[in-house]
Amino acid sequence: MSWYNEPDALAPNLETINLVFNIIYTIEFAIKFIAFGSSYFSDGWNNFDLIIVVSAWLGMIINSIEGLDIGSLTTVIRSFRISRIFKIIKKYKNLRLLFYTFIGAIP
């Protein structure tokens, strides 16, 4: 999230918030993996969560490398995290259809 005349102090705060959420989701993965063991991977939503966690960490690592500019790839990685919301409401058929449409629209 950035815009013209953005306050200088905003970017570090957003990066900190991003890191906090990455840590929270990583802890969630670790707890679920410890609880379920290898059967963790039998649920598609768990696999989806793992992909989001790994991609979020990869995005942060790539952004931290000086001189490396991947531009829109970071935005794509971050947009996948938004789709976690659909996991909460997966019971509703219309919202599931919307989610699959969203995934299908990504190149």
C-alpha atoms as a PDB file:
ATOM      1  CA  MET A   1       0.000   0.000   0.000  1.00  0.00           C
ATOM      2  CA  SER A   2       1.584   3.244  -1.111  1.00  0.00           C
ATOM      3  CA  TRP A   3       0.476   6.527  -2.589  1.00  0.00           C
ATOM      4  CA  TYR A   4       1.723   9.931  -3.656  1.00  0.00           C
ATOM      5  CA  ASN A   5       3.043  12.041  -0.737  1.00  0.00           C
ATOM      6  CA  GLU A   6       2.970   9.011   1.532  1.00  0.00           C
ATOM      7  CA  PRO A   7       4.393   9.759   5.003  1.00  0.00           C
ATOM      8  CA  ASP A   8       7.968   8.534   5.343  1.00  0.00           C
ATOM      9  CA  ALA A   9       7.212   6.714   8.591  1.00  0.00           C
ATOM     10  CA  LEU A  10       4.424   4.613   7.062  1.00  0.00           C
ATOM     11  CA  ALA A  11       6.517   2.137   5.047  1.00  0.00           C
ATOM     12  CA  PRO A  12       8.516   0.793   8.031  1.00  0.00           C
ATOM     13  CA  ASN A  13       5.291   0.437  10.032  1.00  0.00           C
ATOM     14  CA  LEU A  14       3.659  -1.555   7.231  1.00  0.00           C
ATOM     15  CA  GLU A  15       6.704  -3.806   6.983  1.00  0.00           C
ATOM     16  CA  THR A  16       6.518  -4.431  10.731  1.00  0.00           C
ATOM     17  CA  ILE A  17       2.824  -5.303  10.507  1.00  0.00           C
ATOM     18  CA  ASN A  18       3.589  -7.607   7.567  1.00  0.00           C
ATOM     19  CA  LEU A  19       6.278  -9.359   9.618  1.00  0.00           C
ATOM     20  CA  VAL A  20       3.943  -9.784  12.601  1.00  0.00           C
ATOM     21  CA  PHE A  21       1.275 -11.425  10.445  1.00  0.00           C
ATOM     22  CA  ASN A  22       3.862 -13.676   8.791  1.00  0.00           C
ATOM     23  CA  ILE A  23       4.989 -14.806  12.234  1.00  0.00           C
ATOM     24  CA  ILE A  24       1.392 -15.419  13.364  1.00  0.00           C
ATOM     25  CA  TYR A  25       0.607 -17.509  10.274  1.00  0.00           C
ATOM     26  CA  THR A  26       3.857 -19.434  10.660  1.00  0.00           C
ATOM     27  CA  ILE A  27       2.999 -20.248  14.276  1.00  0.00           C
ATOM     28  CA  GLU A  28      -0.470 -21.349  13.156  1.00  0.00           C
ATOM     29  CA  PHE A  29       1.112 -23.678  10.587  1.00  0.00           C
ATOM     30  CA  ALA A  30       3.531 -25.106  13.169  1.00  0.00           C
ATOM     31  CA  ILE A  31       0.780 -25.787  15.709  1.00  0.00           C
ATOM     32  CA  LYS A  32      -1.464 -27.457  13.139  1.00  0.00           C
ATOM     33  CA  PHE A  33       1.411 -29.507  11.716  1.00  0.00           C
ATOM     34  CA  ILE A  34       2.403 -30.704  15.195  1.00  0.00           C
ATOM     35  CA  ALA A  35      -1.225 -31.579  15.956  1.00  0.00           C
ATOM     36  CA  PHE A  36      -2.049 -33.362  12.689  1.00  0.00           C
ATOM     37  CA  GLY A  37       1.344 -34.704  11.669  1.00  0.00           C
ATOM     38  CA  SER A  38       1.580 -35.892   8.095  1.00  0.00           C
ATOM     39  CA  SER A  39      -2.221 -35.917   7.747  1.00  0.00           C
ATOM     40  CA  TYR A  40      -1.953 -32.107   7.739  1.00  0.00           C
ATOM     41  CA  PHE A  41      -1.283 -32.324   4.013  1.00  0.00           C
ATOM     42  CA  SER A  42      -4.467 -34.294   3.270  1.00  0.00           C
ATOM     43  CA  ASP A  43      -6.596 -31.141   3.580  1.00  0.00           C
ATOM     44  CA  GLY A  44      -6.456 -28.820   0.586  1.00  0.00           C
ATOM     45  CA  TRP A  45      -7.001 -25.726   2.723  1.00  0.00           C
ATOM     46  CA  ASN A  46      -3.993 -26.623   4.862  1.00  0.00           C
ATOM     47  CA  ASN A  47      -1.883 -26.954   1.724  1.00  0.00           C
ATOM     48  CA  PHE A  48      -3.185 -23.588   0.573  1.00  0.00           C
ATOM     49  CA  ASP A  49      -2.237 -22.037   3.929  1.00  0.00           C
ATOM     50  CA  LEU A  50       1.249 -23.505   3.692  1.00  0.00           C
ATOM     51  CA  ILE A  51       1.720 -22.077   0.201  1.00  0.00           C
ATOM     52  CA  ILE A  52       0.667 -18.656   1.454  1.00  0.00           C
ATOM     53  CA  VAL A  53       3.040 -18.826   4.434  1.00  0.00           C
ATOM     54  CA  VAL A  54       5.984 -19.902   2.296  1.00  0.00           C
ATOM     55  CA  SER A  55       5.257 -17.329  -0.410  1.00  0.00           C
ATOM     56  CA  ALA A  56       4.908 -14.558   2.177  1.00  0.00           C
ATOM     57  CA  TRP A  57       8.323 -15.387   3.637  1.00  0.00           C
ATOM     58  CA  LEU A  58       9.844 -15.624   0.158  1.00  0.00           C
ATOM     59  CA  GLY A  59       8.363 -12.233  -0.704  1.00  0.00           C
ATOM     60  CA  MET A  60       9.848 -10.679   2.422  1.00  0.00           C
ATOM     61  CA  ILE A  61      13.256 -12.230   1.754  1.00  0.00           C
ATOM     62  CA  ILE A  62      13.272 -11.074  -1.858  1.00  0.00           C
ATOM     63  CA  ASN A  63      12.227  -7.547  -0.828  1.00  0.00           C
ATOM     64  CA  SER A  64      15.041  -7.413   1.705  1.00  0.00           C
ATOM     65  CA  ILE A  65      17.723  -8.123  -0.915  1.00  0.00           C
ATOM     66  CA  GLU A  66      19.314  -4.835  -1.960  1.00  0.00           C
ATOM     67  CA  GLY A  67      19.183  -4.030  -5.664  1.00  0.00           C
ATOM     68  CA  LEU A  68      16.661  -6.745  -6.516  1.00  0.00           C
ATOM     69  CA  ASP A  69      13.423  -5.359  -7.918  1.00  0.00           C
ATOM     70  CA  ILE A  70      10.694  -7.857  -8.754  1.00  0.00           C
ATOM     71  CA  GLY A  71       7.922  -5.266  -8.867  1.00  0.00           C
ATOM     72  CA  SER A  72       4.503  -6.781  -9.480  1.00  0.00           C
ATOM     73  CA  LEU A  73       5.481 -10.298  -8.360  1.00  0.00           C
ATOM     74  CA  THR A  74       5.413  -9.089  -4.759  1.00  0.00           C
ATOM     75  CA  THR A  75       1.897  -7.754  -5.311  1.00  0.00           C
ATOM     76  CA  VAL A  76       0.748 -11.130  -6.647  1.00  0.00           C
ATOM     77  CA  ILE A  77       2.251 -12.906  -3.636  1.00  0.00           C
ATOM     78  CA  ARG A  78       0.512 -10.510  -1.258  1.00  0.00           C
ATOM     79  CA  SER A  79      -2.815 -10.852  -3.060  1.00  0.00           C
ATOM     80  CA  PHE A  80      -2.845 -14.582  -2.286  1.00  0.00           C
ATOM     81  CA  ARG A  81      -2.929 -13.755   1.419  1.00  0.00           C
ATOM     82  CA  ILE A  82      -6.214 -11.928   0.923  1.00  0.00           C
ATOM     83  CA  SER A  83      -7.782 -15.166  -0.231  1.00  0.00           C
ATOM     84  CA  ARG A  84      -7.334 -16.629   3.271  1.00  0.00           C
ATOM     85  CA  ILE A  85     -10.535 -14.814   4.145  1.00  0.00           C
ATOM     86  CA  PHE A  86     -12.425 -17.202   1.896  1.00  0.00           C
ATOM     87  CA  LYS A  87     -11.229 -20.110   4.038  1.00  0.00           C
ATOM     88  CA  ILE A  88     -13.288 -18.785   6.927  1.00  0.00           C
ATOM     89  CA  ILE A  89     -16.478 -18.827   4.896  1.00  0.00           C
ATOM     90  CA  LYS A  90     -15.832 -21.930   2.812  1.00  0.00           C
ATOM     91  CA  LYS A  91     -19.197 -23.396   3.766  1.00  0.00           C
ATOM     92  CA  TYR A  92     -21.090 -21.006   1.529  1.00  0.00           C
ATOM     93  CA  LYS A  93     -21.429 -22.220  -2.052  1.00  0.00           C
ATOM     94  CA  ASN A  94     -21.620 -18.761  -3.675  1.00  0.00           C
ATOM     95  CA  LEU A  95     -18.504 -17.531  -1.916  1.00  0.00           C
ATOM     96  CA  ARG A  96     -16.652 -20.703  -2.865  1.00  0.00           C
ATOM     97  CA  LEU A  97     -17.576 -20.050  -6.483  1.00  0.00           C
ATOM     98  CA  LEU A  98     -16.265 -16.494  -6.165  1.00  0.00           C
ATOM     99  CA  PHE A  99     -13.012 -17.804  -4.704  1.00  0.00           C
ATOM    100  CA  TYR A 100     -12.466 -20.292  -7.534  1.00  0.00           C
ATOM    101  CA  THR A 101     -13.216 -17.529 -10.040  1.00  0.00           C
ATOM    102  CA  PHE A 102     -10.582 -15.361  -8.346  1.00  0.00           C
ATOM    103  CA  ILE A 103      -8.007 -18.158  -8.515  1.00  0.00           C
ATOM    104  CA  GLY A 104      -8.878 -18.891 -12.142  1.00  0.00           C
ATOM    105  CA  ALA A 105      -8.415 -15.242 -13.102  1.00  0.00           C
ATOM    106  CA  ILE A 106      -4.806 -15.155 -11.920  1.00  0.00           C
ATOM    107  CA  PRO A 107      -2.435 -15.696 -14.853  1.00  0.00           C
END
